[in-house]
Amino acid sequence: MRRSADHEPIIEAVAPQPGEHVLVKHRYSAFQRSNLETLMRVRGRDQLLVTGVYAHIGCTATVVEAFQRDIEAFIAADAVADFSRADHDQALHWIARTSGVPMTTDQLLEAL
C-alpha cells in the first residue's frame, strides 16, 4: 500500500481517542523508522500485542524485532490475516517456536 487519503480512514469503533498516539508503519517491522520502542519504554511497557495483515511478513517481523529488543510479544492468532491459510499457520507456528506467543483474542482478553 502507498500512503493516500483512500487508505487512511479509521472506522469509528477503533478510532484513536484524544491524546492517544498514532504510529505510522513504514516497513515490515513496526519498530523500523518509528518511535515505538521509545513510546513503550517511557510508559514502562515491555509487552506488545500484534494484530494486522500479512502475518508471515509484517506481523512476524514486528514480533521478531520485539524479541530482539527484550519486549515480550503476543500475536492475536484470530486477529491477523494473510494471503493463505498455509502462510497464516506457518507464521504462527514459527513465531511460537522462536520469538512470541500466539493467543486468541479471547485468551488475551482473559489474561488482561
C-alpha atoms as a PDB file:
ATOM      1  CA  MET A   1       0.000   0.000   0.000  1.00  0.00           C
ATOM      2  CA  ARG A   2       1.017   3.524  -0.613  1.00  0.00           C
ATOM      3  CA  ARG A   3       0.020   6.290   1.742  1.00  0.00           C
ATOM      4  CA  SER A   4      -3.064   8.047   0.396  1.00  0.00           C
ATOM      5  CA  ALA A   5      -6.289   9.532   1.731  1.00  0.00           C
ATOM      6  CA  ASP A   6      -8.130   6.429   0.466  1.00  0.00           C
ATOM      7  CA  HIS A   7      -6.047   4.212   2.763  1.00  0.00           C
ATOM      8  CA  GLU A   8      -6.131   6.377   5.885  1.00  0.00           C
ATOM      9  CA  PRO A   9      -9.727   6.412   7.201  1.00  0.00           C
ATOM     10  CA  ILE A  10     -10.118   4.590  10.512  1.00  0.00           C
ATOM     11  CA  ILE A  11     -13.518   3.186  11.420  1.00  0.00           C
ATOM     12  CA  GLU A  12     -15.094   4.861  14.421  1.00  0.00           C
ATOM     13  CA  ALA A  13     -15.189   1.706  16.564  1.00  0.00           C
ATOM     14  CA  VAL A  14     -11.377   1.586  16.692  1.00  0.00           C
ATOM     15  CA  ALA A  15     -10.519   5.231  16.053  1.00  0.00           C
ATOM     16  CA  PRO A  16      -7.880   6.763  18.340  1.00  0.00           C
ATOM     17  CA  GLN A  17      -9.210   8.770  21.236  1.00  0.00           C
ATOM     18  CA  PRO A  18      -7.929  12.273  22.019  1.00  0.00           C
ATOM     19  CA  GLY A  19      -4.429  12.027  23.454  1.00  0.00           C
ATOM     20  CA  GLU A  20      -3.740   8.545  22.052  1.00  0.00           C
ATOM     21  CA  HIS A  21      -0.653   8.144  19.905  1.00  0.00           C
ATOM     22  CA  VAL A  22      -0.966   7.071  16.251  1.00  0.00           C
ATOM     23  CA  LEU A  23       2.052   5.231  14.865  1.00  0.00           C
ATOM     24  CA  VAL A  24       2.553   5.149  11.092  1.00  0.00           C
ATOM     25  CA  LYS A  25       4.164   1.902   9.955  1.00  0.00           C
ATOM     26  CA  HIS A  26       6.798   2.381   7.236  1.00  0.00           C
ATOM     27  CA  ARG A  27       8.364  -1.080   6.904  1.00  0.00           C
ATOM     28  CA  TYR A  28       7.520  -4.689   7.722  1.00  0.00           C
ATOM     29  CA  SER A  29       8.558  -4.253  11.344  1.00  0.00           C
ATOM     30  CA  ALA A  30       6.614  -1.626  13.259  1.00  0.00           C
ATOM     31  CA  PHE A  31       9.880  -0.712  15.003  1.00  0.00           C
ATOM     32  CA  GLN A  32      11.591   0.487  11.809  1.00  0.00           C
ATOM     33  CA  ARG A  33      11.590   4.274  11.284  1.00  0.00           C
ATOM     34  CA  SER A  34       9.294   4.729  14.275  1.00  0.00           C
ATOM     35  CA  ASN A  35       9.479   5.623  17.931  1.00  0.00           C
ATOM     36  CA  LEU A  36       7.518   2.542  19.045  1.00  0.00           C
ATOM     37  CA  GLU A  37      10.200   1.276  21.426  1.00  0.00           C
ATOM     38  CA  THR A  38      10.633   4.736  22.981  1.00  0.00           C
ATOM     39  CA  LEU A  39       6.876   5.103  23.446  1.00  0.00           C
ATOM     40  CA  MET A  40       6.772   1.729  25.168  1.00  0.00           C
ATOM     41  CA  ARG A  41       9.804   2.314  27.406  1.00  0.00           C
ATOM     42  CA  VAL A  42       8.604   5.773  28.528  1.00  0.00           C
ATOM     43  CA  ARG A  43       5.333   4.150  29.607  1.00  0.00           C
ATOM     44  CA  GLY A  44       7.126   1.291  31.370  1.00  0.00           C
ATOM     45  CA  ARG A  45       5.796  -1.306  28.919  1.00  0.00           C
ATOM     46  CA  ASP A  46       7.694  -4.455  27.982  1.00  0.00           C
ATOM     47  CA  GLN A  47       4.913  -6.428  26.304  1.00  0.00           C
ATOM     48  CA  LEU A  48       3.445  -5.921  22.830  1.00  0.00           C
ATOM     49  CA  LEU A  49       0.253  -7.271  21.273  1.00  0.00           C
ATOM     50  CA  VAL A  50       0.466  -7.655  17.493  1.00  0.00           C
ATOM     51  CA  THR A  51      -2.540  -7.750  15.155  1.00  0.00           C
ATOM     52  CA  GLY A  52      -2.824  -6.944  11.480  1.00  0.00           C
ATOM     53  CA  VAL A  53      -2.389  -8.255   7.974  1.00  0.00           C
ATOM     54  CA  TYR A  54       0.292 -10.405   6.379  1.00  0.00           C
ATOM     55  CA  ALA A  55       1.059 -12.500   9.448  1.00  0.00           C
ATOM     56  CA  HIS A  56       4.008 -14.172   7.724  1.00  0.00           C
ATOM     57  CA  ILE A  57       5.588 -10.827   6.756  1.00  0.00           C
ATOM     58  CA  GLY A  58       4.930  -7.680   8.797  1.00  0.00           C
ATOM     59  CA  CYS A  59       3.479  -9.273  11.909  1.00  0.00           C
ATOM     60  CA  THR A  60       6.337 -11.773  12.085  1.00  0.00           C
ATOM     61  CA  ALA A  61       8.957  -9.053  11.511  1.00  0.00           C
ATOM     62  CA  THR A  62       7.489  -6.983  14.336  1.00  0.00           C
ATOM     63  CA  VAL A  63       7.372  -9.946  16.735  1.00  0.00           C
ATOM     64  CA  VAL A  64      10.984 -10.921  15.951  1.00  0.00           C
ATOM     65  CA  GLU A  65      12.237  -7.378  16.414  1.00  0.00           C
ATOM     66  CA  ALA A  66      10.320  -7.049  19.684  1.00  0.00           C
ATOM     67  CA  PHE A  67      12.050 -10.218  20.904  1.00  0.00           C
ATOM     68  CA  GLN A  68      15.437  -8.780  19.901  1.00  0.00           C
ATOM     69  CA  ARG A  69      14.650  -5.677  21.973  1.00  0.00           C
ATOM     70  CA  ASP A  70      13.668  -7.706  25.065  1.00  0.00           C
ATOM     71  CA  ILE A  71       9.980  -6.975  24.564  1.00  0.00           C
ATOM     72  CA  GLU A  72       7.613  -9.909  25.097  1.00  0.00           C
ATOM     73  CA  ALA A  73       5.389 -10.186  22.025  1.00  0.00           C
ATOM     74  CA  PHE A  74       1.957 -11.746  21.756  1.00  0.00           C
ATOM     75  CA  ILE A  75       0.215 -12.247  18.418  1.00  0.00           C
ATOM     76  CA  ALA A  76      -3.570 -12.440  18.243  1.00  0.00           C
ATOM     77  CA  ALA A  77      -3.951 -15.595  16.148  1.00  0.00           C
ATOM     78  CA  ASP A  78      -7.540 -14.801  15.185  1.00  0.00           C
ATOM     79  CA  ALA A  79      -6.865 -11.097  14.551  1.00  0.00           C
ATOM     80  CA  VAL A  80      -4.199 -11.405  11.856  1.00  0.00           C
ATOM     81  CA  ALA A  81      -4.735 -12.113   8.172  1.00  0.00           C
ATOM     82  CA  ASP A  82      -2.585 -13.493   5.405  1.00  0.00           C
ATOM     83  CA  PHE A  83      -2.521 -14.457   1.739  1.00  0.00           C
ATOM     84  CA  SER A  84      -3.411 -18.065   2.521  1.00  0.00           C
ATOM     85  CA  ARG A  85      -4.224 -20.369   5.416  1.00  0.00           C
ATOM     86  CA  ALA A  86      -0.843 -22.036   4.902  1.00  0.00           C
ATOM     87  CA  ASP A  87       1.008 -18.702   5.263  1.00  0.00           C
ATOM     88  CA  HIS A  88      -1.063 -17.865   8.356  1.00  0.00           C
ATOM     89  CA  ASP A  89      -0.414 -21.214  10.034  1.00  0.00           C
ATOM     90  CA  GLN A  90       3.289 -21.151   9.126  1.00  0.00           C
ATOM     91  CA  ALA A  91       3.697 -17.693  10.669  1.00  0.00           C
ATOM     92  CA  LEU A  92       2.001 -18.634  13.936  1.00  0.00           C
ATOM     93  CA  HIS A  93       3.963 -21.886  14.173  1.00  0.00           C
ATOM     94  CA  TRP A  94       7.300 -20.151  13.536  1.00  0.00           C
ATOM     95  CA  ILE A  95       6.540 -17.316  15.975  1.00  0.00           C
ATOM     96  CA  ALA A  96       5.573 -19.826  18.686  1.00  0.00           C
ATOM     97  CA  ARG A  97       8.851 -21.702  18.214  1.00  0.00           C
ATOM     98  CA  THR A  98      11.136 -18.675  18.117  1.00  0.00           C
ATOM     99  CA  SER A  99      10.020 -15.309  19.393  1.00  0.00           C
ATOM    100  CA  GLY A 100       6.443 -14.806  20.540  1.00  0.00           C
ATOM    101  CA  VAL A 101       3.237 -16.193  21.974  1.00  0.00           C
ATOM    102  CA  PRO A 102       0.225 -16.816  19.719  1.00  0.00           C
ATOM    103  CA  MET A 103      -3.097 -16.497  21.568  1.00  0.00           C
ATOM    104  CA  THR A 104      -6.711 -15.965  20.576  1.00  0.00           C
ATOM    105  CA  THR A 105      -8.384 -12.658  21.317  1.00  0.00           C
ATOM    106  CA  ASP A 106     -10.495 -14.396  23.972  1.00  0.00           C
ATOM    107  CA  GLN A 107      -7.338 -15.718  25.660  1.00  0.00           C
ATOM    108  CA  LEU A 108      -5.716 -12.290  25.502  1.00  0.00           C
ATOM    109  CA  LEU A 109      -8.759 -10.542  26.968  1.00  0.00           C
ATOM    110  CA  GLU A 110      -8.922 -13.112  29.759  1.00  0.00           C
ATOM    111  CA  ALA A 111      -5.228 -12.569  30.533  1.00  0.00           C
ATOM    112  CA  LEU A 112      -5.663  -8.806  30.912  1.00  0.00           C
END
